[in-house]
Structure formats: C-alpha cells, structure tokens
Amino acid sequence: MKALKRLWRGEVPLADAIWNWAIFGGLAINLGTMGLFLWLLSADRPIAAFILGYAFSIPYNIVVTVGVWRSAGRFTGEQRWADLARIATPVWMLILTII
C-alpha cells in the first residue's frame, strides 16, 4: 500500500511508474479482471461480472495515470519523455479498460 501511495504522489521514478506500474501492472490487473468478468458472465451473473470486472481495474488505472502524470512532472531528464508518458499512459489505460 505504501508503494501505491508513493506512486499516487508521483514519488516513483518515471521509468518505474511507466514500466512496472502502467505496462506490467496494468496488464496483470486488467487481464485478471477481464478473466473474472468473462468467468462471471459464463456463470450467468452479468451484474456481478460488471461490478467485479471493473471494481479493481478502473481505480487501478486512475491511480496509475495520475501517478505517471505526477512522476512526469518531477522528471529531470529530457522533457519529451515526460510529455510522451503523459500522452501514452492515459491512452494505454483506456485501451486496457476497454478490452
């Protein structure tokens, strides 16, 4: 939980925020919840599927997007990398939420 708070505050290095939290963590959380969603749908529980399928992924995606945005604001390297992170992360999180 402490690491998630650090991410939310933008205290995580930008590369770590993108690779570990957005890309790898985003895939793990969103594919896991997608599997849960599909399993509950196949069990004829559409309301539970909708609620549980998005209960973890959407909050996670929001926290990661905010965390990457804030980490990009503290990034001391080339500004284009911070700008790219601020553009790519919300797009990536939206794609993961939709699939």
C-alpha atoms as a PDB file:
ATOM      1  CA  MET A   1       0.000   0.000   0.000  1.00  0.00           C
ATOM      2  CA  LYS A   2       2.927   2.295   0.753  1.00  0.00           C
ATOM      3  CA  ALA A   3       4.254   1.850  -2.794  1.00  0.00           C
ATOM      4  CA  LEU A   4       0.847   2.715  -4.223  1.00  0.00           C
ATOM      5  CA  LYS A   5       0.767   5.907  -2.145  1.00  0.00           C
ATOM      6  CA  ARG A   6       4.226   6.821  -3.415  1.00  0.00           C
ATOM      7  CA  LEU A   7       3.022   6.254  -6.972  1.00  0.00           C
ATOM      8  CA  TRP A   8      -0.083   8.401  -6.410  1.00  0.00           C
ATOM      9  CA  ARG A   9       2.081  11.253  -5.099  1.00  0.00           C
ATOM     10  CA  GLY A  10       4.441  10.989  -8.083  1.00  0.00           C
ATOM     11  CA  GLU A  11       7.399   9.971  -5.929  1.00  0.00           C
ATOM     12  CA  VAL A  12       8.214   6.950  -8.108  1.00  0.00           C
ATOM     13  CA  PRO A  13      10.832   7.439 -10.856  1.00  0.00           C
ATOM     14  CA  LEU A  14       9.140   7.908 -14.213  1.00  0.00           C
ATOM     15  CA  ALA A  15      10.627   4.776 -15.797  1.00  0.00           C
ATOM     16  CA  ASP A  16       9.437   2.666 -12.854  1.00  0.00           C
ATOM     17  CA  ALA A  17       5.972   4.248 -12.953  1.00  0.00           C
ATOM     18  CA  ILE A  18       5.616   3.500 -16.650  1.00  0.00           C
ATOM     19  CA  TRP A  19       7.163   0.049 -16.922  1.00  0.00           C
ATOM     20  CA  ASN A  20       6.304  -1.553 -13.594  1.00  0.00           C
ATOM     21  CA  TRP A  21       3.008   0.129 -12.781  1.00  0.00           C
ATOM     22  CA  ALA A  22       1.441   1.109 -16.115  1.00  0.00           C
ATOM     23  CA  ILE A  23       2.624  -1.562 -18.526  1.00  0.00           C
ATOM     24  CA  PHE A  24       3.271  -4.725 -16.485  1.00  0.00           C
ATOM     25  CA  GLY A  25       0.945  -3.964 -13.572  1.00  0.00           C
ATOM     26  CA  GLY A  26      -1.729  -2.650 -15.916  1.00  0.00           C
ATOM     27  CA  LEU A  27      -1.628  -5.825 -17.983  1.00  0.00           C
ATOM     28  CA  ALA A  28      -1.767  -8.054 -14.906  1.00  0.00           C
ATOM     29  CA  ILE A  29      -4.656  -6.231 -13.232  1.00  0.00           C
ATOM     30  CA  ASN A  30      -6.701  -5.700 -16.385  1.00  0.00           C
ATOM     31  CA  LEU A  31      -6.222  -9.207 -17.798  1.00  0.00           C
ATOM     32  CA  GLY A  32      -7.038 -10.671 -14.390  1.00  0.00           C
ATOM     33  CA  THR A  33     -10.229  -8.674 -14.058  1.00  0.00           C
ATOM     34  CA  MET A  34     -11.129  -9.486 -17.657  1.00  0.00           C
ATOM     35  CA  GLY A  35     -10.837 -13.184 -16.818  1.00  0.00           C
ATOM     36  CA  LEU A  36     -13.044 -12.686 -13.775  1.00  0.00           C
ATOM     37  CA  PHE A  37     -15.521 -10.733 -15.892  1.00  0.00           C
ATOM     38  CA  LEU A  38     -15.718 -13.493 -18.515  1.00  0.00           C
ATOM     39  CA  TRP A  39     -15.985 -16.234 -15.893  1.00  0.00           C
ATOM     40  CA  LEU A  40     -18.871 -14.475 -14.149  1.00  0.00           C
ATOM     41  CA  LEU A  41     -20.595 -13.837 -17.474  1.00  0.00           C
ATOM     42  CA  SER A  42     -20.348 -17.525 -18.348  1.00  0.00           C
ATOM     43  CA  ALA A  43     -21.843 -18.309 -14.930  1.00  0.00           C
ATOM     44  CA  ASP A  44     -24.829 -16.121 -15.916  1.00  0.00           C
ATOM     45  CA  ARG A  45     -24.017 -13.401 -13.407  1.00  0.00           C
ATOM     46  CA  PRO A  46     -23.856 -10.267 -15.579  1.00  0.00           C
ATOM     47  CA  ILE A  47     -24.307  -7.716 -12.804  1.00  0.00           C
ATOM     48  CA  ALA A  48     -21.603  -9.293 -10.631  1.00  0.00           C
ATOM     49  CA  ALA A  49     -19.397  -9.548 -13.732  1.00  0.00           C
ATOM     50  CA  PHE A  50     -19.770  -5.860 -14.442  1.00  0.00           C
ATOM     51  CA  ILE A  51     -19.197  -4.778 -10.844  1.00  0.00           C
ATOM     52  CA  LEU A  52     -16.275  -7.089 -10.028  1.00  0.00           C
ATOM     53  CA  GLY A  53     -14.809  -6.944 -13.506  1.00  0.00           C
ATOM     54  CA  TYR A  54     -14.260  -3.219 -13.204  1.00  0.00           C
ATOM     55  CA  ALA A  55     -14.012  -2.750  -9.420  1.00  0.00           C
ATOM     56  CA  PHE A  56     -10.240  -3.242  -9.428  1.00  0.00           C
ATOM     57  CA  SER A  57      -9.176  -2.251 -12.907  1.00  0.00           C
ATOM     58  CA  ILE A  58     -10.725   1.204 -13.149  1.00  0.00           C
ATOM     59  CA  PRO A  59      -9.428   2.504  -9.783  1.00  0.00           C
ATOM     60  CA  TYR A  60      -6.016   0.985 -10.539  1.00  0.00           C
ATOM     61  CA  ASN A  61      -5.947   2.628 -13.971  1.00  0.00           C
ATOM     62  CA  ILE A  62      -6.864   6.002 -12.481  1.00  0.00           C
ATOM     63  CA  VAL A  63      -4.183   5.777  -9.769  1.00  0.00           C
ATOM     64  CA  VAL A  64      -1.536   4.756 -12.308  1.00  0.00           C
ATOM     65  CA  THR A  65      -2.476   7.512 -14.740  1.00  0.00           C
ATOM     66  CA  VAL A  66      -2.314  10.160 -12.005  1.00  0.00           C
ATOM     67  CA  GLY A  67       0.926   8.683 -10.657  1.00  0.00           C
ATOM     68  CA  VAL A  68       2.641   8.669 -14.038  1.00  0.00           C
ATOM     69  CA  TRP A  69       1.421  12.229 -14.694  1.00  0.00           C
ATOM     70  CA  ARG A  70       2.869  13.423 -11.403  1.00  0.00           C
ATOM     71  CA  SER A  71       6.105  11.466 -11.870  1.00  0.00           C
ATOM     72  CA  ALA A  72       6.461  13.065 -15.295  1.00  0.00           C
ATOM     73  CA  GLY A  73       6.174  16.459 -13.612  1.00  0.00           C
ATOM     74  CA  ARG A  74       9.190  15.621 -11.438  1.00  0.00           C
ATOM     75  CA  PHE A  75      11.212  14.045 -14.229  1.00  0.00           C
ATOM     76  CA  THR A  76      14.581  15.782 -14.663  1.00  0.00           C
ATOM     77  CA  GLY A  77      15.562  14.202 -17.988  1.00  0.00           C
ATOM     78  CA  GLU A  78      14.538  15.225 -21.471  1.00  0.00           C
ATOM     79  CA  GLN A  79      11.123  16.844 -21.429  1.00  0.00           C
ATOM     80  CA  ARG A  80       9.953  14.872 -24.459  1.00  0.00           C
ATOM     81  CA  TRP A  81       9.989  11.640 -22.400  1.00  0.00           C
ATOM     82  CA  ALA A  82       7.797  13.192 -19.736  1.00  0.00           C
ATOM     83  CA  ASP A  83       5.449  14.530 -22.401  1.00  0.00           C
ATOM     84  CA  LEU A  84       5.291  11.148 -24.106  1.00  0.00           C
ATOM     85  CA  ALA A  85       4.497   9.466 -20.773  1.00  0.00           C
ATOM     86  CA  ARG A  86       1.685  11.949 -20.162  1.00  0.00           C
ATOM     87  CA  ILE A  87       0.190  11.176 -23.558  1.00  0.00           C
ATOM     88  CA  ALA A  88       0.772   7.427 -23.784  1.00  0.00           C
ATOM     89  CA  THR A  89      -0.269   6.369 -20.276  1.00  0.00           C
ATOM     90  CA  PRO A  90      -3.890   7.588 -20.381  1.00  0.00           C
ATOM     91  CA  VAL A  91      -4.279   6.070 -23.848  1.00  0.00           C
ATOM     92  CA  TRP A  92      -2.810   2.755 -22.651  1.00  0.00           C
ATOM     93  CA  MET A  93      -5.008   2.692 -19.544  1.00  0.00           C
ATOM     94  CA  LEU A  94      -8.094   3.437 -21.646  1.00  0.00           C
ATOM     95  CA  ILE A  95      -7.243   0.606 -24.028  1.00  0.00           C
ATOM     96  CA  LEU A  96      -6.766  -1.794 -21.116  1.00  0.00           C
ATOM     97  CA  THR A  97     -10.075  -0.702 -19.592  1.00  0.00           C
ATOM     98  CA  ILE A  98     -11.954  -1.261 -22.836  1.00  0.00           C
ATOM     99  CA  ILE A  99     -10.605  -4.742 -23.584  1.00  0.00           C
END
